[in-house]
PDB file of all heavy atoms in Angstrom:
ATOM      1  N   ILE A   1       0.845  -1.225   0.033  1.00  0.00           N
ATOM      2  CA  ILE A   1      -0.013   0.007  -0.004  1.00  0.00           C
ATOM      3  C   ILE A   1       0.867   1.247   0.027  1.00  0.00           C
ATOM      4  O   ILE A   1       0.608   2.215  -0.695  1.00  0.00           O
ATOM      5  CB  ILE A   1      -0.921  -0.011   1.234  1.00  0.00           C
ATOM      6  CG1 ILE A   1      -1.967  -1.174   1.055  1.00  0.00           C
ATOM      7  CG2 ILE A   1      -1.712   1.306   1.329  1.00  0.00           C
ATOM      8  CD1 ILE A   1      -2.873  -1.347   2.243  1.00  0.00           C
ATOM      9  N   LEU A   2       1.945   1.262   0.792  1.00  0.00           N
ATOM     10  CA  LEU A   2       2.829   2.392   0.829  1.00  0.00           C
ATOM     11  C   LEU A   2       3.497   2.642  -0.574  1.00  0.00           C
ATOM     12  O   LEU A   2       3.646   3.811  -1.030  1.00  0.00           O
ATOM     13  CB  LEU A   2       3.892   2.173   1.856  1.00  0.00           C
ATOM     14  CG  LEU A   2       3.477   2.360   3.327  1.00  0.00           C
ATOM     15  CD1 LEU A   2       4.582   1.946   4.284  1.00  0.00           C
ATOM     16  CD2 LEU A   2       3.036   3.780   3.575  1.00  0.00           C
ATOM     17  N   GLN A   3       3.832   1.589  -1.260  1.00  0.00           N
ATOM     18  CA  GLN A   3       4.407   1.721  -2.564  1.00  0.00           C
ATOM     19  C   GLN A   3       3.414   2.369  -3.524  1.00  0.00           C
ATOM     20  O   GLN A   3       3.756   3.234  -4.333  1.00  0.00           O
ATOM     21  CB  GLN A   3       4.889   0.389  -3.101  1.00  0.00           C
ATOM     22  CG  GLN A   3       6.053  -0.187  -2.356  1.00  0.00           C
ATOM     23  CD  GLN A   3       6.438  -1.541  -2.905  1.00  0.00           C
ATOM     24  OE1 GLN A   3       6.623  -1.739  -4.098  1.00  0.00           O
ATOM     25  NE2 GLN A   3       6.570  -2.565  -2.043  1.00  0.00           N
ATOM     26  N   PHE A   4       2.172   1.929  -3.465  1.00  0.00           N
ATOM     27  CA  PHE A   4       1.118   2.487  -4.344  1.00  0.00           C
ATOM     28  C   PHE A   4       0.904   3.960  -3.998  1.00  0.00           C
ATOM     29  O   PHE A   4       0.730   4.792  -4.929  1.00  0.00           O
ATOM     30  CB  PHE A   4      -0.144   1.706  -4.172  1.00  0.00           C
ATOM     31  CG  PHE A   4      -1.245   2.095  -5.103  1.00  0.00           C
ATOM     32  CD1 PHE A   4      -1.353   1.506  -6.363  1.00  0.00           C
ATOM     33  CD2 PHE A   4      -2.164   3.091  -4.751  1.00  0.00           C
ATOM     34  CE1 PHE A   4      -2.372   1.850  -7.245  1.00  0.00           C
ATOM     35  CE2 PHE A   4      -3.143   3.466  -5.665  1.00  0.00           C
ATOM     36  CZ  PHE A   4      -3.279   2.833  -6.889  1.00  0.00           C
ATOM     37  N   ILE A   5       0.909   4.264  -2.727  1.00  0.00           N
ATOM     38  CA  ILE A   5       0.677   5.723  -2.378  1.00  0.00           C
ATOM     39  C   ILE A   5       1.817   6.608  -2.864  1.00  0.00           C
ATOM     40  O   ILE A   5       1.574   7.708  -3.416  1.00  0.00           O
ATOM     41  CB  ILE A   5       0.559   5.835  -0.812  1.00  0.00           C
ATOM     42  CG1 ILE A   5      -0.747   5.129  -0.300  1.00  0.00           C
ATOM     43  CG2 ILE A   5       0.586   7.268  -0.359  1.00  0.00           C
ATOM     44  CD1 ILE A   5      -0.895   5.108   1.163  1.00  0.00           C
ATOM     45  N   GLU A   6       3.030   6.145  -2.695  1.00  0.00           N
ATOM     46  CA  GLU A   6       4.160   6.925  -3.192  1.00  0.00           C
ATOM     47  C   GLU A   6       4.106   7.124  -4.677  1.00  0.00           C
ATOM     48  O   GLU A   6       4.387   8.205  -5.210  1.00  0.00           O
ATOM     49  CB  GLU A   6       5.468   6.194  -2.795  1.00  0.00           C
ATOM     50  CG  GLU A   6       6.735   7.040  -2.891  1.00  0.00           C
ATOM     51  CD  GLU A   6       7.274   7.037  -4.315  1.00  0.00           C
ATOM     52  OE1 GLU A   6       7.019   6.062  -5.057  1.00  0.00           O
ATOM     53  OE2 GLU A   6       8.039   7.973  -4.664  1.00  0.00           O
ATOM     54  N   GLN A   7       3.703   6.086  -5.407  1.00  0.00           N
ATOM     55  CA  GLN A   7       3.634   6.197  -6.877  1.00  0.00           C
ATOM     56  C   GLN A   7       2.544   7.204  -7.270  1.00  0.00           C
ATOM     57  O   GLN A   7       2.744   8.074  -8.174  1.00  0.00           O
ATOM     58  CB  GLN A   7       3.325   4.838  -7.493  1.00  0.00           C
ATOM     59  CG  GLN A   7       3.176   4.836  -9.019  1.00  0.00           C
ATOM     60  CD  GLN A   7       2.817   3.475  -9.552  1.00  0.00           C
ATOM     61  OE1 GLN A   7       2.841   2.487  -8.805  1.00  0.00           O
ATOM     62  NE2 GLN A   7       2.497   3.411 -10.812  1.00  0.00           N
ATOM     63  N   ARG A   8       1.378   7.173  -6.662  1.00  0.00           N
ATOM     64  CA  ARG A   8       0.268   8.050  -7.017  1.00  0.00           C
ATOM     65  C   ARG A   8       0.551   9.469  -6.560  1.00  0.00           C
ATOM     66  O   ARG A   8       0.226  10.407  -7.293  1.00  0.00           O
ATOM     67  CB  ARG A   8      -1.026   7.555  -6.368  1.00  0.00           C
ATOM     68  CG  ARG A   8      -1.528   6.215  -6.915  1.00  0.00           C
ATOM     69  CD  ARG A   8      -2.001   6.329  -8.372  1.00  0.00           C
ATOM     70  NE  ARG A   8      -3.164   7.140  -8.453  1.00  0.00           N
ATOM     71  CZ  ARG A   8      -3.362   8.197  -9.248  1.00  0.00           C
ATOM     72  NH1 ARG A   8      -2.330   8.585 -10.026  1.00  0.00           N
ATOM     73  NH2 ARG A   8      -4.479   8.848  -9.275  1.00  0.00           N
ATOM     74  N   PHE A   9       1.244   9.658  -5.483  1.00  0.00           N
ATOM     75  CA  PHE A   9       1.594  11.013  -5.061  1.00  0.00           C
ATOM     76  C   PHE A   9       2.571  11.651  -6.075  1.00  0.00           C
ATOM     77  O   PHE A   9       2.458  12.871  -6.352  1.00  0.00           O
ATOM     78  CB  PHE A   9       2.247  11.011  -3.659  1.00  0.00           C
ATOM     79  CG  PHE A   9       1.254  10.945  -2.549  1.00  0.00           C
ATOM     80  CD1 PHE A   9      -0.099  10.712  -2.794  1.00  0.00           C
ATOM     81  CD2 PHE A   9       1.640  11.174  -1.251  1.00  0.00           C
ATOM     82  CE1 PHE A   9      -1.002  10.691  -1.761  1.00  0.00           C
ATOM     83  CE2 PHE A   9       0.725  11.136  -0.200  1.00  0.00           C
ATOM     84  CZ  PHE A   9      -0.652  10.911  -0.486  1.00  0.00           C
ATOM     85  N   CYS A  10       3.504  10.877  -6.576  1.00  0.00           N
ATOM     86  CA  CYS A  10       4.431  11.366  -7.567  1.00  0.00           C
ATOM     87  C   CYS A  10       3.677  11.767  -8.852  1.00  0.00           C
ATOM     88  O   CYS A  10       3.999  12.805  -9.503  1.00  0.00           O
ATOM     89  CB  CYS A  10       5.529  10.381  -7.896  1.00  0.00           C
ATOM     90  SG  CYS A  10       6.720  10.110  -6.524  1.00  0.00           S
ATOM     91  N   GLU A  11       2.704  10.925  -9.253  1.00  0.00           N
ATOM     92  CA  GLU A  11       1.958  11.217 -10.510  1.00  0.00           C
ATOM     93  C   GLU A  11       1.099  12.480 -10.336  1.00  0.00           C
ATOM     94  O   GLU A  11       0.878  13.246 -11.297  1.00  0.00           O
ATOM     95  CB  GLU A  11       1.078  10.031 -10.827  1.00  0.00           C
ATOM     96  CG  GLU A  11       1.865   8.782 -11.216  1.00  0.00           C
ATOM     97  CD  GLU A  11       0.973   7.581 -11.445  1.00  0.00           C
ATOM     98  OE1 GLU A  11      -0.260   7.702 -11.178  1.00  0.00           O
ATOM     99  OE2 GLU A  11       1.483   6.467 -11.812  1.00  0.00           O
ATOM    100  N   GLU A  12       0.590  12.774  -9.114  1.00  0.00           N
ATOM    101  CA  GLU A  12      -0.284  13.881  -8.879  1.00  0.00           C
ATOM    102  C   GLU A  12       0.450  15.100  -8.313  1.00  0.00           C
ATOM    103  O   GLU A  12      -0.177  16.067  -7.929  1.00  0.00           O
ATOM    104  CB  GLU A  12      -1.403  13.486  -7.923  1.00  0.00           C
ATOM    105  CG  GLU A  12      -2.291  12.393  -8.398  1.00  0.00           C
ATOM    106  CD  GLU A  12      -3.111  12.779  -9.664  1.00  0.00           C
ATOM    107  OE1 GLU A  12      -3.358  14.007  -9.788  1.00  0.00           O
ATOM    108  OE2 GLU A  12      -3.508  11.880 -10.411  1.00  0.00           O
ATOM    109  N   ASN A  13       1.795  14.999  -8.277  1.00  0.00           N
ATOM    110  CA  ASN A  13       2.656  16.103  -7.759  1.00  0.00           C
ATOM    111  C   ASN A  13       2.296  16.541  -6.356  1.00  0.00           C
ATOM    112  O   ASN A  13       2.226  17.723  -6.065  1.00  0.00           O
ATOM    113  CB  ASN A  13       2.563  17.339  -8.712  1.00  0.00           C
ATOM    114  CG  ASN A  13       3.117  17.011 -10.085  1.00  0.00           C
ATOM    115  OD1 ASN A  13       4.150  16.302 -10.198  1.00  0.00           O
ATOM    116  ND2 ASN A  13       2.501  17.516 -11.145  1.00  0.00           N
ATOM    117  N   ILE A  14       1.986  15.561  -5.568  1.00  0.00           N
ATOM    118  CA  ILE A  14       1.788  15.818  -4.133  1.00  0.00           C
ATOM    119  C   ILE A  14       3.056  15.534  -3.332  1.00  0.00           C
ATOM    120  O   ILE A  14       3.620  14.456  -3.406  1.00  0.00           O
ATOM    121  CB  ILE A  14       0.629  14.952  -3.578  1.00  0.00           C
ATOM    122  CG1 ILE A  14      -0.675  15.336  -4.284  1.00  0.00           C
ATOM    123  CG2 ILE A  14       0.475  15.086  -2.064  1.00  0.00           C
ATOM    124  CD1 ILE A  14      -1.857  14.484  -3.866  1.00  0.00           C
ATOM    125  N   GLU A  15       3.516  16.572  -2.614  1.00  0.00           N
ATOM    126  CA  GLU A  15       4.836  16.481  -1.993  1.00  0.00           C
ATOM    127  C   GLU A  15       4.739  15.911  -0.591  1.00  0.00           C
ATOM    128  O   GLU A  15       3.855  16.288   0.168  1.00  0.00           O
ATOM    129  CB  GLU A  15       5.451  17.851  -1.968  1.00  0.00           C
ATOM    130  CG  GLU A  15       6.852  17.917  -1.325  1.00  0.00           C
ATOM    131  CD  GLU A  15       7.367  19.353  -1.273  1.00  0.00           C
ATOM    132  OE1 GLU A  15       6.703  20.277  -1.771  1.00  0.00           O
ATOM    133  OE2 GLU A  15       8.469  19.498  -0.655  1.00  0.00           O
ATOM    134  N   ILE A  16       5.670  15.036  -0.294  1.00  0.00           N
ATOM    135  CA  ILE A  16       5.876  14.525   1.054  1.00  0.00           C
ATOM    136  C   ILE A  16       7.050  15.323   1.648  1.00  0.00           C
ATOM    137  O   ILE A  16       8.180  15.191   1.218  1.00  0.00           O
ATOM    138  CB  ILE A  16       6.219  13.036   1.066  1.00  0.00           C
ATOM    139  CG1 ILE A  16       4.998  12.214   0.480  1.00  0.00           C
ATOM    140  CG2 ILE A  16       6.489  12.534   2.519  1.00  0.00           C
ATOM    141  CD1 ILE A  16       5.208  10.773   0.386  1.00  0.00           C
ATOM    142  N   PRO A  17       6.799  16.242   2.594  1.00  0.00           N
ATOM    143  CA  PRO A  17       7.793  17.250   2.982  1.00  0.00           C
ATOM    144  C   PRO A  17       8.871  16.685   3.904  1.00  0.00           C
ATOM    145  O   PRO A  17       8.686  15.640   4.575  1.00  0.00           O
ATOM    146  CB  PRO A  17       6.958  18.283   3.714  1.00  0.00           C
ATOM    147  CG  PRO A  17       5.867  17.509   4.312  1.00  0.00           C
ATOM    148  CD  PRO A  17       5.531  16.409   3.365  1.00  0.00           C
ATOM    149  N   PHE A  18      10.000  17.344   3.949  1.00  0.00           N
ATOM    150  CA  PHE A  18      11.042  17.147   4.961  1.00  0.00           C
ATOM    151  C   PHE A  18      10.684  17.966   6.163  1.00  0.00           C
ATOM    152  O   PHE A  18       9.940  18.966   6.114  1.00  0.00           O
ATOM    153  CB  PHE A  18      12.385  17.539   4.395  1.00  0.00           C
ATOM    154  CG  PHE A  18      12.848  16.713   3.214  1.00  0.00           C
ATOM    155  CD1 PHE A  18      12.742  17.194   1.957  1.00  0.00           C
ATOM    156  CD2 PHE A  18      13.384  15.441   3.476  1.00  0.00           C
ATOM    157  CE1 PHE A  18      13.162  16.401   0.884  1.00  0.00           C
ATOM    158  CE2 PHE A  18      13.853  14.681   2.441  1.00  0.00           C
ATOM    159  CZ  PHE A  18      13.677  15.152   1.121  1.00  0.00           C
ATOM    160  N   PRO A  19      11.218  17.604   7.331  1.00  0.00           N
ATOM    161  CA  PRO A  19      10.961  18.458   8.501  1.00  0.00           C
ATOM    162  C   PRO A  19      11.522  19.857   8.321  1.00  0.00           C
ATOM    163  O   PRO A  19      12.619  20.028   7.748  1.00  0.00           O
ATOM    164  CB  PRO A  19      11.736  17.686   9.614  1.00  0.00           C
ATOM    165  CG  PRO A  19      11.809  16.275   9.128  1.00  0.00           C
ATOM    166  CD  PRO A  19      11.940  16.347   7.645  1.00  0.00           C
ATOM    167  N   GLN A  20      10.758  20.871   8.730  1.00  0.00           N
ATOM    168  CA  GLN A  20      11.171  22.281   8.554  1.00  0.00           C
ATOM    169  C   GLN A  20      11.351  22.927   9.940  1.00  0.00           C
ATOM    170  O   GLN A  20      10.477  22.714  10.848  1.00  0.00           O
ATOM    171  CB  GLN A  20      10.188  23.002   7.740  1.00  0.00           C
ATOM    172  CG  GLN A  20       9.986  22.486   6.329  1.00  0.00           C
ATOM    173  CD  GLN A  20       8.911  23.217   5.540  1.00  0.00           C
ATOM    174  OE1 GLN A  20       8.400  24.210   6.031  1.00  0.00           O
ATOM    175  NE2 GLN A  20       8.560  22.727   4.376  1.00  0.00           N
ATOM    176  N   ARG A  21      12.399  23.716  10.096  1.00  0.00           N
ATOM    177  CA  ARG A  21      12.654  24.403  11.378  1.00  0.00           C
ATOM    178  C   ARG A  21      12.983  25.857  11.047  1.00  0.00           C
ATOM    179  O   ARG A  21      13.680  26.182  10.068  1.00  0.00           O
ATOM    180  CB  ARG A  21      13.804  23.762  12.126  1.00  0.00           C
ATOM    181  CG  ARG A  21      13.553  22.318  12.545  1.00  0.00           C
ATOM    182  CD  ARG A  21      12.487  22.252  13.620  1.00  0.00           C
ATOM    183  NE  ARG A  21      12.267  20.880  14.067  1.00  0.00           N
ATOM    184  CZ  ARG A  21      11.461  20.046  13.549  1.00  0.00           C
ATOM    185  NH1 ARG A  21      10.696  20.420  12.553  1.00  0.00           N
ATOM    186  NH2 ARG A  21      11.303  18.817  14.044  1.00  0.00           N
ATOM    187  N   ASP A  22      12.522  26.805  11.885  1.00  0.00           N
ATOM    188  CA  ASP A  22      12.863  28.217  11.782  1.00  0.00           C
ATOM    189  C   ASP A  22      14.058  28.525  12.699  1.00  0.00           C
ATOM    190  O   ASP A  22      14.022  28.094  13.923  1.00  0.00           O
ATOM    191  CB  ASP A  22      11.679  29.121  12.184  1.00  0.00           C
ATOM    192  CG  ASP A  22      10.548  28.998  11.192  1.00  0.00           C
ATOM    193  OD1 ASP A  22      10.843  28.665   9.990  1.00  0.00           O
ATOM    194  OD2 ASP A  22       9.375  29.219  11.576  1.00  0.00           O
ATOM    195  N   LEU A  23      15.086  29.198  12.186  1.00  0.00           N
ATOM    196  CA  LEU A  23      16.311  29.505  12.954  1.00  0.00           C
ATOM    197  C   LEU A  23      16.280  30.940  13.351  1.00  0.00           C
ATOM    198  O   LEU A  23      16.185  31.844  12.466  1.00  0.00           O
ATOM    199  CB  LEU A  23      17.543  29.190  12.126  1.00  0.00           C
ATOM    200  CG  LEU A  23      18.888  29.440  12.826  1.00  0.00           C
ATOM    201  CD1 LEU A  23      19.056  28.555  14.040  1.00  0.00           C
ATOM    202  CD2 LEU A  23      20.033  29.150  11.816  1.00  0.00           C
ATOM    203  N   HIS A  24      16.313  31.274  14.623  1.00  0.00           N
ATOM    204  CA  HIS A  24      16.368  32.681  15.107  1.00  0.00           C
ATOM    205  C   HIS A  24      17.701  32.975  15.735  1.00  0.00           C
ATOM    206  O   HIS A  24      18.160  32.214  16.602  1.00  0.00           O
ATOM    207  CB  HIS A  24      15.216  32.833  16.182  1.00  0.00           C
ATOM    208  CG  HIS A  24      13.881  32.590  15.652  1.00  0.00           C
ATOM    209  ND1 HIS A  24      13.177  33.588  15.011  1.00  0.00           N
ATOM    210  CD2 HIS A  24      13.080  31.477  15.690  1.00  0.00           C
ATOM    211  CE1 HIS A  24      11.949  33.073  14.647  1.00  0.00           C
ATOM    212  NE2 HIS A  24      11.899  31.801  15.070  1.00  0.00           N
ATOM    213  N   LEU A  25      18.362  34.050  15.254  1.00  0.00           N
ATOM    214  CA  LEU A  25      19.704  34.398  15.723  1.00  0.00           C
ATOM    215  C   LEU A  25      19.550  35.664  16.617  1.00  0.00           C
ATOM    216  O   LEU A  25      18.887  36.665  16.228  1.00  0.00           O
ATOM    217  CB  LEU A  25      20.622  34.755  14.587  1.00  0.00           C
ATOM    218  CG  LEU A  25      20.954  33.532  13.660  1.00  0.00           C
ATOM    219  CD1 LEU A  25      21.857  34.003  12.495  1.00  0.00           C
ATOM    220  CD2 LEU A  25      21.637  32.433  14.414  1.00  0.00           C
ATOM    221  N   LYS A  26      20.184  35.627  17.733  1.00  0.00           N
ATOM    222  CA  LYS A  26      20.252  36.847  18.552  1.00  0.00           C
ATOM    223  C   LYS A  26      21.233  37.851  18.007  1.00  0.00           C
ATOM    224  O   LYS A  26      22.084  37.536  17.175  1.00  0.00           O
ATOM    225  CB  LYS A  26      20.653  36.454  19.999  1.00  0.00           C
ATOM    226  CG  LYS A  26      19.627  35.591  20.710  1.00  0.00           C
ATOM    227  CD  LYS A  26      20.068  35.266  22.132  1.00  0.00           C
ATOM    228  CE  LYS A  26      19.019  34.425  22.842  1.00  0.00           C
ATOM    229  NZ  LYS A  26      19.423  34.066  24.223  1.00  0.00           N
ATOM    230  N   LEU A  27      21.187  39.093  18.489  1.00  0.00           N
ATOM    231  CA  LEU A  27      22.028  40.145  17.980  1.00  0.00           C
ATOM    232  C   LEU A  27      23.542  39.839  18.159  1.00  0.00           C
ATOM    233  O   LEU A  27      24.317  40.049  17.245  1.00  0.00           O
ATOM    234  CB  LEU A  27      21.705  41.524  18.650  1.00  0.00           C
ATOM    235  CG  LEU A  27      22.537  42.717  18.149  1.00  0.00           C
ATOM    236  CD1 LEU A  27      22.370  42.945  16.686  1.00  0.00           C
ATOM    237  CD2 LEU A  27      22.133  43.958  18.963  1.00  0.00           C
ATOM    238  N   LYS A  28      23.925  39.361  19.328  1.00  0.00           N
ATOM    239  CA  LYS A  28      25.308  39.064  19.528  1.00  0.00           C
ATOM    240  C   LYS A  28      25.788  37.960  18.612  1.00  0.00           C
ATOM    241  O   LYS A  28      26.917  37.976  18.085  1.00  0.00           O
ATOM    242  CB  LYS A  28      25.529  38.664  21.023  1.00  0.00           C
ATOM    243  CG  LYS A  28      25.299  39.795  22.002  1.00  0.00           C
ATOM    244  CD  LYS A  28      25.571  39.312  23.404  1.00  0.00           C
ATOM    245  CE  LYS A  28      25.363  40.462  24.389  1.00  0.00           C
ATOM    246  NZ  LYS A  28      25.652  40.036  25.815  1.00  0.00           N
ATOM    247  N   ASP A  29      24.947  36.946  18.412  1.00  0.00           N
ATOM    248  CA  ASP A  29      25.298  35.883  17.488  1.00  0.00           C
ATOM    249  C   ASP A  29      25.462  36.428  16.116  1.00  0.00           C
ATOM    250  O   ASP A  29      26.358  36.031  15.372  1.00  0.00           O
ATOM    251  CB  ASP A  29      24.238  34.783  17.548  1.00  0.00           C
ATOM    252  CG  ASP A  29      24.098  34.121  18.891  1.00  0.00           C
ATOM    253  OD1 ASP A  29      25.158  34.151  19.601  1.00  0.00           O
ATOM    254  OD2 ASP A  29      23.051  33.627  19.247  1.00  0.00           O
ATOM    255  N   ALA A  30      24.632  37.331  15.689  1.00  0.00           N
ATOM    256  CA  ALA A  30      24.718  37.902  14.349  1.00  0.00           C
ATOM    257  C   ALA A  30      26.004  38.688  14.168  1.00  0.00           C
ATOM    258  O   ALA A  30      26.661  38.648  13.139  1.00  0.00           O
ATOM    259  CB  ALA A  30      23.528  38.800  14.056  1.00  0.00           C
ATOM    260  N   GLN A  31      26.433  39.449  15.264  1.00  0.00           N
ATOM    261  CA  GLN A  31      27.662  40.212  15.146  1.00  0.00           C
ATOM    262  C   GLN A  31      28.862  39.303  15.038  1.00  0.00           C
ATOM    263  O   GLN A  31      29.825  39.515  14.314  1.00  0.00           O
ATOM    264  CB  GLN A  31      27.794  41.099  16.397  1.00  0.00           C
ATOM    265  CG  GLN A  31      26.739  42.238  16.422  1.00  0.00           C
ATOM    266  CD  GLN A  31      26.819  43.027  17.722  1.00  0.00           C
ATOM    267  OE1 GLN A  31      27.544  42.635  18.645  1.00  0.00           O
ATOM    268  NE2 GLN A  31      26.069  44.141  17.795  1.00  0.00           N
ATOM    269  N   ILE A  32      28.880  38.186  15.786  1.00  0.00           N
ATOM    270  CA  ILE A  32      29.938  37.237  15.689  1.00  0.00           C
ATOM    271  C   ILE A  32      30.046  36.638  14.335  1.00  0.00           C
ATOM    272  O   ILE A  32      31.134  36.507  13.755  1.00  0.00           O
ATOM    273  CB  ILE A  32      29.753  36.139  16.775  1.00  0.00           C
ATOM    274  CG1 ILE A  32      29.870  36.722  18.175  1.00  0.00           C
ATOM    275  CG2 ILE A  32      30.782  35.013  16.555  1.00  0.00           C
ATOM    276  CD1 ILE A  32      29.562  35.722  19.264  1.00  0.00           C
ATOM    277  N   LEU A  33      28.909  36.279  13.741  1.00  0.00           N
ATOM    278  CA  LEU A  33      28.917  35.738  12.401  1.00  0.00           C
ATOM    279  C   LEU A  33      29.466  36.742  11.389  1.00  0.00           C
ATOM    280  O   LEU A  33      30.127  36.382  10.432  1.00  0.00           O
ATOM    281  CB  LEU A  33      27.476  35.220  12.004  1.00  0.00           C
ATOM    282  CG  LEU A  33      26.969  34.042  12.801  1.00  0.00           C
ATOM    283  CD1 LEU A  33      25.494  33.755  12.373  1.00  0.00           C
ATOM    284  CD2 LEU A  33      27.813  32.775  12.536  1.00  0.00           C
ATOM    285  N   LYS A  34      29.064  38.095  11.569  1.00  0.00           N
ATOM    286  CA  LYS A  34      29.548  39.141  10.629  1.00  0.00           C
ATOM    287  C   LYS A  34      31.041  39.245  10.721  1.00  0.00           C
ATOM    288  O   LYS A  34      31.747  39.401   9.712  1.00  0.00           O
ATOM    289  CB  LYS A  34      28.847  40.428  10.973  1.00  0.00           C
ATOM    290  CG  LYS A  34      29.199  41.572   9.993  1.00  0.00           C
ATOM    291  CD  LYS A  34      28.343  42.797  10.310  1.00  0.00           C
ATOM    292  CE  LYS A  34      28.663  43.901   9.291  1.00  0.00           C
ATOM    293  NZ  LYS A  34      30.093  44.197   9.215  1.00  0.00           N
ATOM    294  N   ARG A  35      31.598  39.210  11.925  1.00  0.00           N
ATOM    295  CA  ARG A  35      33.055  39.287  12.082  1.00  0.00           C
ATOM    296  C   ARG A  35      33.764  38.102  11.424  1.00  0.00           C
ATOM    297  O   ARG A  35      34.798  38.267  10.805  1.00  0.00           O
ATOM    298  CB  ARG A  35      33.426  39.366  13.560  1.00  0.00           C
ATOM    299  CG  ARG A  35      33.016  40.649  14.254  1.00  0.00           C
ATOM    300  CD  ARG A  35      33.287  40.591  15.739  1.00  0.00           C
ATOM    301  NE  ARG A  35      32.772  41.792  16.442  1.00  0.00           N
ATOM    302  CZ  ARG A  35      32.868  41.943  17.756  1.00  0.00           C
ATOM    303  NH1 ARG A  35      33.439  40.973  18.490  1.00  0.00           N
ATOM    304  NH2 ARG A  35      32.470  43.009  18.333  1.00  0.00           N
ATOM    305  N   LEU A  36      33.160  36.939  11.585  1.00  0.00           N
ATOM    306  CA  LEU A  36      33.769  35.759  10.928  1.00  0.00           C
ATOM    307  C   LEU A  36      33.717  35.890   9.428  1.00  0.00           C
ATOM    308  O   LEU A  36      34.662  35.494   8.710  1.00  0.00           O
ATOM    309  CB  LEU A  36      33.019  34.461  11.384  1.00  0.00           C
ATOM    310  CG  LEU A  36      33.222  34.078  12.837  1.00  0.00           C
ATOM    311  CD1 LEU A  36      32.308  32.843  13.163  1.00  0.00           C
ATOM    312  CD2 LEU A  36      34.667  33.759  13.144  1.00  0.00           C
ATOM    313  N   ALA A  37      32.608  36.453   8.908  1.00  0.00           N
ATOM    314  CA  ALA A  37      32.500  36.605   7.462  1.00  0.00           C
ATOM    315  C   ALA A  37      33.506  37.626   6.970  1.00  0.00           C
ATOM    316  O   ALA A  37      34.123  37.442   5.921  1.00  0.00           O
ATOM    317  CB  ALA A  37      31.071  37.061   7.066  1.00  0.00           C
TER     318      ALA A  37
END
């Protein structure tokens, strides 16, 4: 059943997503990264 679902999702362009995370940087961390750059 899983194989059939994967095949039909590909045919219908339905995406199975990867885990998504939002990254928040504090000001001090941003300054350190700027100096490194």
